[in-house]
Structures are given as structure tokens and as C-alpha cells.
Amino acid sequence: GSGMQGLGLGSFALDWSTISSYLGSPLASPWFATANVAVGFFL
């Protein structure tokens, strides 16, 4: 369950700095790239 030290199952954030801190703004990512990142992250 840990979002910072584990697999993060069920974790979420309501903080823009958490959302955009490493991958940049998700609003600037086309869905095609976001979908590939999602599949890669899951696997």
C-alpha cells in the first residue's frame, strides 16, 4: 500500500508537486505516450 516506499496499491495524491515533480505536467503528455507509460509502469 505504501505510495512512497512500496507498490502504492490504492495510494493517491492531491498535490500538484507530487503529480508533476518527476514526469513533468501530465497535461502536456499526449494520450498515446501516457498509455505506453501506464502499461510499462503496470508491468
Full PDB file with SEQRES, HELIX, SHEET, SSBOND, CRYST1, ORIGX, SCALE, CONECT and MASTER records, all heavy atoms in Angstrom:
SEQRES   1 A   43  GLY SER GLY MET GLN GLY LEU GLY LEU GLY SER PHE ALA          
SEQRES   2 A   43  LEU ASP TRP SER THR ILE SER SER TYR LEU GLY SER PRO          
SEQRES   3 A   43  LEU ALA SER PRO TRP PHE ALA THR ALA ASN VAL ALA VAL          
SEQRES   4 A   43  GLY PHE PHE LEU                                              
HELIX    1 AA1 TRP A   16  SER A   20  1                                   5    
HELIX    2 AA2 PRO A   26  ALA A   28  5                                   3    
HELIX    3 AA3 TRP A   31  PHE A   42  1                                  12    
CRYST1    1.000    1.000    1.000  90.00  90.00  90.00 P 1           1          
ORIGX1      1.000000  0.000000  0.000000        0.00000                         
ORIGX2      0.000000  1.000000  0.000000        0.00000                         
ORIGX3      0.000000  0.000000  1.000000        0.00000                         
SCALE1      1.000000  0.000000  0.000000        0.00000                         
SCALE2      0.000000  1.000000  0.000000        0.00000                         
SCALE3      0.000000  0.000000  1.000000        0.00000                         
ATOM      1  N   GLY A   1       0.764  -1.234   0.000  1.00  0.00           N  
ATOM      2  CA  GLY A   1       0.000   0.000   0.000  1.00  0.00           C  
ATOM      3  C   GLY A   1       0.796   1.286   0.000  1.00  0.00           C  
ATOM      4  O   GLY A   1       0.268   2.333  -0.388  1.00  0.00           O  
ATOM      5  N   SER A   2       2.042   1.251   0.443  1.00  0.00           N  
ATOM      6  CA  SER A   2       2.806   2.495   0.552  1.00  0.00           C  
ATOM      7  C   SER A   2       3.057   3.115  -0.819  1.00  0.00           C  
ATOM      8  O   SER A   2       3.581   2.472  -1.725  1.00  0.00           O  
ATOM      9  CB  SER A   2       4.151   2.234   1.246  1.00  0.00           C  
ATOM     10  OG  SER A   2       4.953   3.400   1.207  1.00  0.00           O  
ATOM     11  N   GLY A   3       2.701   4.394  -0.944  1.00  0.00           N  
ATOM     12  CA  GLY A   3       2.937   5.089  -2.208  1.00  0.00           C  
ATOM     13  C   GLY A   3       4.350   5.594  -2.365  1.00  0.00           C  
ATOM     14  O   GLY A   3       4.766   5.918  -3.478  1.00  0.00           O  
ATOM     15  N   MET A   4       5.121   5.658  -1.261  1.00  0.00           N  
ATOM     16  CA  MET A   4       6.470   6.214  -1.321  1.00  0.00           C  
ATOM     17  C   MET A   4       7.553   5.166  -1.123  1.00  0.00           C  
ATOM     18  O   MET A   4       8.686   5.366  -1.549  1.00  0.00           O  
ATOM     19  CB  MET A   4       6.622   7.323  -0.272  1.00  0.00           C  
ATOM     20  CG  MET A   4       5.666   8.494  -0.495  1.00  0.00           C  
ATOM     21  SD  MET A   4       5.930   9.874   0.631  1.00  0.00           S  
ATOM     22  CE  MET A   4       7.454  10.546  -0.016  1.00  0.00           C  
ATOM     23  N   GLN A   5       7.227   4.046  -0.460  1.00  0.00           N  
ATOM     24  CA  GLN A   5       8.236   3.028  -0.194  1.00  0.00           C  
ATOM     25  C   GLN A   5       7.797   1.637  -0.637  1.00  0.00           C  
ATOM     26  O   GLN A   5       8.478   0.660  -0.338  1.00  0.00           O  
ATOM     27  CB  GLN A   5       8.575   2.998   1.302  1.00  0.00           C  
ATOM     28  CG  GLN A   5       9.093   4.313   1.837  1.00  0.00           C  
ATOM     29  CD  GLN A   5       9.406   4.243   3.321  1.00  0.00           C  
ATOM     30  OE1 GLN A   5      10.515   3.895   3.725  1.00  0.00           O  
ATOM     31  NE2 GLN A   5       8.424   4.549   4.152  1.00  0.00           N  
ATOM     32  N   GLY A   6       6.667   1.553  -1.329  1.00  0.00           N  
ATOM     33  CA  GLY A   6       6.163   0.250  -1.738  1.00  0.00           C  
ATOM     34  C   GLY A   6       5.530   0.294  -3.114  1.00  0.00           C  
ATOM     35  O   GLY A   6       5.878   1.130  -3.949  1.00  0.00           O  
ATOM     36  N   LEU A   7       4.553  -0.588  -3.330  1.00  0.00           N  
ATOM     37  CA  LEU A   7       3.926  -0.725  -4.639  1.00  0.00           C  
ATOM     38  C   LEU A   7       2.809   0.282  -4.872  1.00  0.00           C  
ATOM     39  O   LEU A   7       2.339   0.430  -6.002  1.00  0.00           O  
ATOM     40  CB  LEU A   7       3.386  -2.148  -4.811  1.00  0.00           C  
ATOM     41  CG  LEU A   7       4.412  -3.281  -4.662  1.00  0.00           C  
ATOM     42  CD1 LEU A   7       3.752  -4.627  -4.966  1.00  0.00           C  
ATOM     43  CD2 LEU A   7       5.607  -3.059  -5.560  1.00  0.00           C  
ATOM     44  N   GLY A   8       2.341   0.938  -3.814  1.00  0.00           N  
ATOM     45  CA  GLY A   8       1.391   2.028  -3.976  1.00  0.00           C  
ATOM     46  C   GLY A   8      -0.020   1.618  -4.332  1.00  0.00           C  
ATOM     47  O   GLY A   8      -0.772   2.440  -4.859  1.00  0.00           O  
ATOM     48  N   LEU A   9      -0.426   0.377  -4.054  1.00  0.00           N  
ATOM     49  CA  LEU A   9      -1.796  -0.043  -4.369  1.00  0.00           C  
ATOM     50  C   LEU A   9      -2.786   0.799  -3.575  1.00  0.00           C  
ATOM     51  O   LEU A   9      -2.746   0.840  -2.349  1.00  0.00           O  
ATOM     52  CB  LEU A   9      -1.985  -1.525  -4.042  1.00  0.00           C  
ATOM     53  CG  LEU A   9      -1.253  -2.516  -4.955  1.00  0.00           C  
ATOM     54  CD1 LEU A   9      -1.403  -3.933  -4.421  1.00  0.00           C  
ATOM     55  CD2 LEU A   9      -1.794  -2.430  -6.380  1.00  0.00           C  
ATOM     56  N   GLY A  10      -3.677   1.482  -4.251  1.00  0.00           N  
ATOM     57  CA  GLY A  10      -4.682   2.309  -3.601  1.00  0.00           C  
ATOM     58  C   GLY A  10      -4.219   3.691  -3.200  1.00  0.00           C  
ATOM     59  O   GLY A  10      -5.025   4.508  -2.750  1.00  0.00           O  
ATOM     60  N   SER A  11      -2.950   3.985  -3.345  1.00  0.00           N  
ATOM     61  CA  SER A  11      -2.462   5.302  -2.930  1.00  0.00           C  
ATOM     62  C   SER A  11      -2.805   6.351  -3.982  1.00  0.00           C  
ATOM     63  O   SER A  11      -2.966   6.042  -5.166  1.00  0.00           O  
ATOM     64  CB  SER A  11      -0.945   5.263  -2.714  1.00  0.00           C  
ATOM     65  OG  SER A  11      -0.263   5.035  -3.930  1.00  0.00           O  
ATOM     66  N   PHE A  12      -2.919   7.581  -3.548  1.00  0.00           N  
ATOM     67  CA  PHE A  12      -3.172   8.683  -4.469  1.00  0.00           C  
ATOM     68  C   PHE A  12      -2.652   9.968  -3.836  1.00  0.00           C  
ATOM     69  O   PHE A  12      -2.277  10.002  -2.656  1.00  0.00           O  
ATOM     70  CB  PHE A  12      -4.663   8.802  -4.804  1.00  0.00           C  
ATOM     71  CG  PHE A  12      -5.554   9.079  -3.626  1.00  0.00           C  
ATOM     72  CD1 PHE A  12      -5.884  10.383  -3.258  1.00  0.00           C  
ATOM     73  CD2 PHE A  12      -6.074   8.030  -2.880  1.00  0.00           C  
ATOM     74  CE1 PHE A  12      -6.698  10.633  -2.173  1.00  0.00           C  
ATOM     75  CE2 PHE A  12      -6.896   8.281  -1.788  1.00  0.00           C  
ATOM     76  CZ  PHE A  12      -7.211   9.581  -1.433  1.00  0.00           C  
ATOM     77  N   ALA A  13      -2.622  11.031  -4.616  1.00  0.00           N  
ATOM     78  CA  ALA A  13      -2.123  12.316  -4.139  1.00  0.00           C  
ATOM     79  C   ALA A  13      -3.039  13.427  -4.600  1.00  0.00           C  
ATOM     80  O   ALA A  13      -3.573  13.388  -5.710  1.00  0.00           O  
ATOM     81  CB  ALA A  13      -0.704  12.559  -4.654  1.00  0.00           C  
ATOM     82  N   LEU A  14      -3.220  14.419  -3.735  1.00  0.00           N  
ATOM     83  CA  LEU A  14      -3.985  15.619  -4.074  1.00  0.00           C  
ATOM     84  C   LEU A  14      -3.051  16.819  -3.992  1.00  0.00           C  
ATOM     85  O   LEU A  14      -3.326  17.809  -3.317  1.00  0.00           O  
ATOM     86  CB  LEU A  14      -5.170  15.771  -3.111  1.00  0.00           C  
ATOM     87  CG  LEU A  14      -6.190  14.627  -3.135  1.00  0.00           C  
ATOM     88  CD1 LEU A  14      -7.249  14.815  -2.049  1.00  0.00           C  
ATOM     89  CD2 LEU A  14      -6.848  14.509  -4.501  1.00  0.00           C  
ATOM     90  N   ASP A  15      -1.931  16.688  -4.671  1.00  0.00           N  
ATOM     91  CA  ASP A  15      -0.860  17.684  -4.587  1.00  0.00           C  
ATOM     92  C   ASP A  15      -0.199  17.786  -5.951  1.00  0.00           C  
ATOM     93  O   ASP A  15       0.335  16.795  -6.469  1.00  0.00           O  
ATOM     94  CB  ASP A  15       0.144  17.237  -3.512  1.00  0.00           C  
ATOM     95  CG  ASP A  15       1.439  18.017  -3.537  1.00  0.00           C  
ATOM     96  OD1 ASP A  15       1.411  19.186  -3.973  1.00  0.00           O  
ATOM     97  OD2 ASP A  15       2.475  17.466  -3.127  1.00  0.00           O  
ATOM     98  N   TRP A  16      -0.220  18.968  -6.539  1.00  0.00           N  
ATOM     99  CA  TRP A  16       0.323  19.149  -7.883  1.00  0.00           C  
ATOM    100  C   TRP A  16       1.819  18.869  -7.938  1.00  0.00           C  
ATOM    101  O   TRP A  16       2.323  18.361  -8.932  1.00  0.00           O  
ATOM    102  CB  TRP A  16       0.023  20.550  -8.397  1.00  0.00           C  
ATOM    103  CG  TRP A  16       0.540  20.801  -9.780  1.00  0.00           C  
ATOM    104  CD1 TRP A  16       1.562  21.625 -10.150  1.00  0.00           C  
ATOM    105  CD2 TRP A  16       0.067  20.188 -10.994  1.00  0.00           C  
ATOM    106  NE1 TRP A  16       1.755  21.577 -11.512  1.00  0.00           N  
ATOM    107  CE2 TRP A  16       0.852  20.708 -12.055  1.00  0.00           C  
ATOM    108  CE3 TRP A  16      -0.935  19.264 -11.283  1.00  0.00           C  
ATOM    109  CZ2 TRP A  16       0.656  20.328 -13.382  1.00  0.00           C  
ATOM    110  CZ3 TRP A  16      -1.124  18.888 -12.599  1.00  0.00           C  
ATOM    111  CH2 TRP A  16      -0.341  19.411 -13.627  1.00  0.00           C  
ATOM    112  N   SER A  17       2.565  19.196  -6.885  1.00  0.00           N  
ATOM    113  CA  SER A  17       4.011  18.944  -6.916  1.00  0.00           C  
ATOM    114  C   SER A  17       4.301  17.451  -6.956  1.00  0.00           C  
ATOM    115  O   SER A  17       5.251  17.004  -7.592  1.00  0.00           O  
ATOM    116  CB  SER A  17       4.704  19.594  -5.713  1.00  0.00           C  
ATOM    117  OG  SER A  17       4.324  18.969  -4.502  1.00  0.00           O  
ATOM    118  N   THR A  18       3.472  16.634  -6.283  1.00  0.00           N  
ATOM    119  CA  THR A  18       3.623  15.176  -6.362  1.00  0.00           C  
ATOM    120  C   THR A  18       3.314  14.681  -7.766  1.00  0.00           C  
ATOM    121  O   THR A  18       4.001  13.817  -8.308  1.00  0.00           O  
ATOM    122  CB  THR A  18       2.691  14.485  -5.353  1.00  0.00           C  
ATOM    123  OG1 THR A  18       3.018  14.910  -4.034  1.00  0.00           O  
ATOM    124  CG2 THR A  18       2.822  12.970  -5.441  1.00  0.00           C  
ATOM    125  N   ILE A  19       2.291  15.251  -8.369  1.00  0.00           N  
ATOM    126  CA  ILE A  19       1.850  14.805  -9.688  1.00  0.00           C  
ATOM    127  C   ILE A  19       2.878  15.121 -10.764  1.00  0.00           C  
ATOM    128  O   ILE A  19       3.174  14.284 -11.630  1.00  0.00           O  
ATOM    129  CB  ILE A  19       0.491  15.455 -10.034  1.00  0.00           C  
ATOM    130  CG1 ILE A  19      -0.595  14.938  -9.079  1.00  0.00           C  
ATOM    131  CG2 ILE A  19       0.104  15.183 -11.488  1.00  0.00           C  
ATOM    132  CD1 ILE A  19      -1.896  15.717  -9.150  1.00  0.00           C  
ATOM    133  N   SER A  20       3.450  16.314 -10.731  1.00  0.00           N  
ATOM    134  CA  SER A  20       4.293  16.772 -11.845  1.00  0.00           C  
ATOM    135  C   SER A  20       5.780  16.770 -11.547  1.00  0.00           C  
ATOM    136  O   SER A  20       6.581  17.154 -12.395  1.00  0.00           O  
ATOM    137  CB  SER A  20       3.879  18.196 -12.249  1.00  0.00           C  
ATOM    138  OG  SER A  20       4.091  19.101 -11.180  1.00  0.00           O  
ATOM    139  N   SER A  21       6.188  16.310 -10.361  1.00  0.00           N  
ATOM    140  CA  SER A  21       7.569  16.510  -9.924  1.00  0.00           C  
ATOM    141  C   SER A  21       8.606  15.773 -10.768  1.00  0.00           C  
ATOM    142  O   SER A  21       9.696  16.294 -10.995  1.00  0.00           O  
ATOM    143  CB  SER A  21       7.716  16.095  -8.456  1.00  0.00           C  
ATOM    144  OG  SER A  21       7.269  14.776  -8.265  1.00  0.00           O  
ATOM    145  N   TYR A  22       8.320  14.583 -11.252  1.00  0.00           N  
ATOM    146  CA  TYR A  22       9.337  13.802 -11.965  1.00  0.00           C  
ATOM    147  C   TYR A  22       9.042  13.617 -13.445  1.00  0.00           C  
ATOM    148  O   TYR A  22       9.960  13.594 -14.263  1.00  0.00           O  
ATOM    149  CB  TYR A  22       9.491  12.425 -11.308  1.00  0.00           C  
ATOM    150  CG  TYR A  22      10.059  12.499  -9.915  1.00  0.00           C  
ATOM    151  CD1 TYR A  22       9.242  12.367  -8.805  1.00  0.00           C  
ATOM    152  CD2 TYR A  22      11.417  12.734  -9.710  1.00  0.00           C  
ATOM    153  CE1 TYR A  22       9.754  12.456  -7.519  1.00  0.00           C  
ATOM    154  CE2 TYR A  22      11.942  12.818  -8.432  1.00  0.00           C  
ATOM    155  CZ  TYR A  22      11.110  12.683  -7.335  1.00  0.00           C  
ATOM    156  OH  TYR A  22      11.621  12.785  -6.081  1.00  0.00           O  
ATOM    157  N   LEU A  23       7.795  13.467 -13.791  1.00  0.00           N  
ATOM    158  CA  LEU A  23       7.429  13.194 -15.177  1.00  0.00           C  
ATOM    159  C   LEU A  23       6.979  14.449 -15.922  1.00  0.00           C  
ATOM    160  O   LEU A  23       6.611  14.368 -17.089  1.00  0.00           O  
ATOM    161  CB  LEU A  23       6.312  12.149 -15.223  1.00  0.00           C  
ATOM    162  CG  LEU A  23       6.660  10.782 -14.622  1.00  0.00           C  
ATOM    163  CD1 LEU A  23       5.427   9.912 -14.549  1.00  0.00           C  
ATOM    164  CD2 LEU A  23       7.742  10.098 -15.414  1.00  0.00           C  
ATOM    165  N   GLY A  24       7.018  15.593 -15.251  1.00  0.00           N  
ATOM    166  CA  GLY A  24       6.524  16.802 -15.880  1.00  0.00           C  
ATOM    167  C   GLY A  24       5.010  16.855 -15.823  1.00  0.00           C  
ATOM    168  O   GLY A  24       4.338  16.006 -15.225  1.00  0.00           O  
ATOM    169  N   SER A  25       4.455  17.850 -16.449  1.00  0.00           N  
ATOM    170  CA  SER A  25       2.998  18.017 -16.398  1.00  0.00           C  
ATOM    171  C   SER A  25       2.295  16.932 -17.209  1.00  0.00           C  
ATOM    172  O   SER A  25       2.569  16.752 -18.396  1.00  0.00           O  
ATOM    173  CB  SER A  25       2.602  19.389 -16.952  1.00  0.00           C  
ATOM    174  OG  SER A  25       1.195  19.475 -17.083  1.00  0.00           O  
ATOM    175  N   PRO A  26       1.362  16.200 -16.589  1.00  0.00           N  
ATOM    176  CA  PRO A  26       0.606  15.195 -17.361  1.00  0.00           C  
ATOM    177  C   PRO A  26      -0.306  15.846 -18.397  1.00  0.00           C  
ATOM    178  O   PRO A  26      -0.739  15.185 -19.340  1.00  0.00           O  
ATOM    179  CB  PRO A  26      -0.207  14.472 -16.282  1.00  0.00           C  
ATOM    180  CG  PRO A  26      -0.322  15.453 -15.168  1.00  0.00           C  
ATOM    181  CD  PRO A  26       0.944  16.252 -15.183  1.00  0.00           C  
ATOM    182  N   LEU A  27      -0.590  17.134 -18.247  1.00  0.00           N  
ATOM    183  CA  LEU A  27      -1.453  17.828 -19.195  1.00  0.00           C  
ATOM    184  C   LEU A  27      -0.752  18.057 -20.533  1.00  0.00           C  
ATOM    185  O   LEU A  27      -1.406  18.350 -21.534  1.00  0.00           O  
ATOM    186  CB  LEU A  27      -1.914  19.170 -18.621  1.00  0.00           C  
ATOM    187  CG  LEU A  27      -3.098  19.129 -17.639  1.00  0.00           C  
ATOM    188  CD1 LEU A  27      -2.750  18.368 -16.372  1.00  0.00           C  
ATOM    189  CD2 LEU A  27      -3.554  20.543 -17.294  1.00  0.00           C  
ATOM    190  N   ALA A  28       0.577  17.949 -20.544  1.00  0.00           N  
ATOM    191  CA  ALA A  28       1.336  18.156 -21.778  1.00  0.00           C  
ATOM    192  C   ALA A  28       1.674  16.852 -22.484  1.00  0.00           C  
ATOM    193  O   ALA A  28       2.300  16.858 -23.542  1.00  0.00           O  
ATOM    194  CB  ALA A  28       2.621  18.920 -21.476  1.00  0.00           C  
ATOM    195  N   SER A  29       1.270  15.719 -21.887  1.00  0.00           N  
ATOM    196  CA  SER A  29       1.605  14.421 -22.471  1.00  0.00           C  
ATOM    197  C   SER A  29       0.463  13.929 -23.350  1.00  0.00           C  
ATOM    198  O   SER A  29      -0.684  13.845 -22.890  1.00  0.00           O  
ATOM    199  CB  SER A  29       1.869  13.396 -21.366  1.00  0.00           C  
ATOM    200  OG  SER A  29       2.094  12.108 -21.904  1.00  0.00           O  
ATOM    201  N   PRO A  30       0.726  13.583 -24.610  1.00  0.00           N  
ATOM    202  CA  PRO A  30      -0.335  13.016 -25.451  1.00  0.00           C  
ATOM    203  C   PRO A  30      -0.763  11.654 -24.913  1.00  0.00           C  
ATOM    204  O   PRO A  30       0.035  10.933 -24.312  1.00  0.00           O  
ATOM    205  CB  PRO A  30       0.331  12.903 -26.831  1.00  0.00           C  
ATOM    206  CG  PRO A  30       1.795  12.873 -26.551  1.00  0.00           C  
ATOM    207  CD  PRO A  30       2.010  13.691 -25.320  1.00  0.00           C  
ATOM    208  N   TRP A  31      -2.019  11.299 -25.144  1.00  0.00           N  
ATOM    209  CA  TRP A  31      -2.551  10.065 -24.585  1.00  0.00           C  
ATOM    210  C   TRP A  31      -1.782   8.844 -25.060  1.00  0.00           C  
ATOM    211  O   TRP A  31      -1.602   7.881 -24.301  1.00  0.00           O  
ATOM    212  CB  TRP A  31      -4.031   9.928 -24.925  1.00  0.00           C  
ATOM    213  CG  TRP A  31      -4.592   8.595 -24.542  1.00  0.00           C  
ATOM    214  CD1 TRP A  31      -5.151   7.661 -25.349  1.00  0.00           C  
ATOM    215  CD2 TRP A  31      -4.622   8.040 -23.219  1.00  0.00           C  
ATOM    216  NE1 TRP A  31      -5.535   6.559 -24.636  1.00  0.00           N  
ATOM    217  CE2 TRP A  31      -5.224   6.754 -23.304  1.00  0.00           C  
ATOM    218  CE3 TRP A  31      -4.204   8.495 -21.972  1.00  0.00           C  
ATOM    219  CZ2 TRP A  31      -5.410   5.941 -22.207  1.00  0.00           C  
ATOM    220  CZ3 TRP A  31      -4.389   7.672 -20.868  1.00  0.00           C  
ATOM    221  CH2 TRP A  31      -4.981   6.414 -20.989  1.00  0.00           C  
ATOM    222  N   PHE A  32      -1.292   8.869 -26.293  1.00  0.00           N  
ATOM    223  CA  PHE A  32      -0.516   7.747 -26.815  1.00  0.00           C  
ATOM    224  C   PHE A  32       0.690   7.463 -25.914  1.00  0.00           C  
ATOM    225  O   PHE A  32       0.963   6.317 -25.529  1.00  0.00           O  
ATOM    226  CB  PHE A  32      -0.067   8.082 -28.241  1.00  0.00           C  
ATOM    227  CG  PHE A  32       1.283   7.547 -28.626  1.00  0.00           C  
ATOM    228  CD1 PHE A  32       1.465   6.213 -28.897  1.00  0.00           C  
ATOM    229  CD2 PHE A  32       2.386   8.402 -28.713  1.00  0.00           C  
ATOM    230  CE1 PHE A  32       2.711   5.720 -29.246  1.00  0.00           C  
ATOM    231  CE2 PHE A  32       3.625   7.917 -29.060  1.00  0.00           C  
ATOM    232  CZ  PHE A  32       3.791   6.572 -29.324  1.00  0.00           C  
ATOM    233  N   ALA A  33       1.416   8.516 -25.541  1.00  0.00           N  
ATOM    234  CA  ALA A  33       2.597   8.332 -24.684  1.00  0.00           C  
ATOM    235  C   ALA A  33       2.175   7.950 -23.275  1.00  0.00           C  
ATOM    236  O   ALA A  33       2.800   7.085 -22.637  1.00  0.00           O  
ATOM    237  CB  ALA A  33       3.427   9.612 -24.675  1.00  0.00           C  
ATOM    238  N   THR A  34       1.123   8.581 -22.759  1.00  0.00           N  
ATOM    239  CA  THR A  34       0.652   8.266 -21.412  1.00  0.00           C  
ATOM    240  C   THR A  34       0.241   6.803 -21.301  1.00  0.00           C  
ATOM    241  O   THR A  34       0.525   6.138 -20.296  1.00  0.00           O  
ATOM    242  CB  THR A  34      -0.538   9.173 -21.049  1.00  0.00           C  
ATOM    243  OG1 THR A  34      -0.149  10.542 -21.171  1.00  0.00           O  
ATOM    244  CG2 THR A  34      -1.013   8.917 -19.633  1.00  0.00           C  
ATOM    245  N   ALA A  35      -0.426   6.285 -22.335  1.00  0.00           N  
ATOM    246  CA  ALA A  35      -0.861   4.888 -22.317  1.00  0.00           C  
ATOM    247  C   ALA A  35       0.331   3.942 -22.289  1.00  0.00           C  
ATOM    248  O   ALA A  35       0.319   2.927 -21.572  1.00  0.00           O  
ATOM    249  CB  ALA A  35      -1.739   4.604 -23.531  1.00  0.00           C  
ATOM    250  N   ASN A  36       1.381   4.244 -23.055  1.00  0.00           N  
ATOM    251  CA  ASN A  36       2.582   3.403 -23.024  1.00  0.00           C  
ATOM    252  C   ASN A  36       3.254   3.447 -21.656  1.00  0.00           C  
ATOM    253  O   ASN A  36       3.724   2.422 -21.153  1.00  0.00           O  
ATOM    254  CB  ASN A  36       3.560   3.857 -24.105  1.00  0.00           C  
ATOM    255  CG  ASN A  36       3.286   3.227 -25.459  1.00  0.00           C  
ATOM    256  OD1 ASN A  36       3.702   2.101 -25.738  1.00  0.00           O  
ATOM    257  ND2 ASN A  36       2.569   3.944 -26.305  1.00  0.00           N  
ATOM    258  N   VAL A  37       3.296   4.627 -21.042  1.00  0.00           N  
ATOM    259  CA  VAL A  37       3.865   4.742 -19.695  1.00  0.00           C  
ATOM    260  C   VAL A  37       3.031   3.927 -18.715  1.00  0.00           C  
ATOM    261  O   VAL A  37       3.570   3.235 -17.838  1.00  0.00           O  
ATOM    262  CB  VAL A  37       3.929   6.223 -19.258  1.00  0.00           C  
ATOM    263  CG1 VAL A  37       4.293   6.331 -17.776  1.00  0.00           C  
ATOM    264  CG2 VAL A  37       4.941   6.988 -20.097  1.00  0.00           C  
ATOM    265  N   ALA A  38       1.704   3.978 -18.857  1.00  0.00           N  
ATOM    266  CA  ALA A  38       0.821   3.236 -17.955  1.00  0.00           C  
ATOM    267  C   ALA A  38       1.072   1.730 -18.053  1.00  0.00           C  
ATOM    268  O   ALA A  38       1.182   1.037 -17.035  1.00  0.00           O  
ATOM    269  CB  ALA A  38      -0.643   3.557 -18.286  1.00  0.00           C  
ATOM    270  N   VAL A  39       1.163   1.214 -19.276  1.00  0.00           N  
ATOM    271  CA  VAL A  39       1.404  -0.222 -19.463  1.00  0.00           C  
ATOM    272  C   VAL A  39       2.773  -0.602 -18.903  1.00  0.00           C  
ATOM    273  O   VAL A  39       2.918  -1.615 -18.194  1.00  0.00           O  
ATOM    274  CB  VAL A  39       1.301  -0.600 -20.952  1.00  0.00           C  
ATOM    275  CG1 VAL A  39       1.728  -2.048 -21.176  1.00  0.00           C  
ATOM    276  CG2 VAL A  39      -0.120  -0.388 -21.459  1.00  0.00           C  
ATOM    277  N   GLY A  40       3.786   0.204 -19.207  1.00  0.00           N  
ATOM    278  CA  GLY A  40       5.127  -0.081 -18.706  1.00  0.00           C  
ATOM    279  C   GLY A  40       5.184  -0.058 -17.191  1.00  0.00           C  
ATOM    280  O   GLY A  40       5.773  -0.950 -16.561  1.00  0.00           O  
ATOM    281  N   PHE A  41       4.567   0.962 -16.591  1.00  0.00           N  
ATOM    282  CA  PHE A  41       4.548   1.060 -15.127  1.00  0.00           C  
ATOM    283  C   PHE A  41       3.851  -0.149 -14.512  1.00  0.00           C  
ATOM    284  O   PHE A  41       4.341  -0.742 -13.539  1.00  0.00           O  
ATOM    285  CB  PHE A  41       3.848   2.352 -14.706  1.00  0.00           C  
ATOM    286  CG  PHE A  41       3.588   2.459 -13.233  1.00  0.00           C  
ATOM    287  CD1 PHE A  41       4.620   2.697 -12.343  1.00  0.00           C  
ATOM    288  CD2 PHE A  41       2.295   2.310 -12.727  1.00  0.00           C  
ATOM    289  CE1 PHE A  41       4.383   2.786 -10.978  1.00  0.00           C  
ATOM    290  CE2 PHE A  41       2.048   2.396 -11.373  1.00  0.00           C  
ATOM    291  CZ  PHE A  41       3.093   2.642 -10.485  1.00  0.00           C  
ATOM    292  N   PHE A  42       2.715  -0.556 -15.069  1.00  0.00           N  
ATOM    293  CA  PHE A  42       1.979  -1.700 -14.525  1.00  0.00           C  
ATOM    294  C   PHE A  42       2.810  -2.975 -14.599  1.00  0.00           C  
ATOM    295  O   PHE A  42       2.917  -3.724 -13.620  1.00  0.00           O  
ATOM    296  CB  PHE A  42       0.661  -1.889 -15.283  1.00  0.00           C  
ATOM    297  CG  PHE A  42      -0.125  -3.087 -14.839  1.00  0.00           C  
ATOM    298  CD1 PHE A  42      -0.954  -3.019 -13.733  1.00  0.00           C  
ATOM    299  CD2 PHE A  42      -0.022  -4.297 -15.524  1.00  0.00           C  
ATOM    300  CE1 PHE A  42      -1.677  -4.128 -13.308  1.00  0.00           C  
ATOM    301  CE2 PHE A  42      -0.732  -5.409 -15.109  1.00  0.00           C  
ATOM    302  CZ  PHE A  42      -1.561  -5.328 -13.990  1.00  0.00           C  
ATOM    303  N   LEU A  43       3.416  -3.236 -15.754  1.00  0.00           N  
ATOM    304  CA  LEU A  43       4.194  -4.471 -15.916  1.00  0.00           C  
ATOM    305  C   LEU A  43       5.420  -4.492 -15.004  1.00  0.00           C  
ATOM    306  O   LEU A  43       5.754  -5.532 -14.431  1.00  0.00           O  
ATOM    307  CB  LEU A  43       4.622  -4.622 -17.379  1.00  0.00           C  
ATOM    308  CG  LEU A  43       3.500  -4.881 -18.393  1.00  0.00           C  
ATOM    309  CD1 LEU A  43       4.067  -4.914 -19.807  1.00  0.00           C  
ATOM    310  CD2 LEU A  43       2.782  -6.193 -18.077  1.00  0.00           C  
TER     311      LEU A  43                                                      
MASTER        0    0    0    3    0    0    0    6  310    1    0    4          
END                                                                             
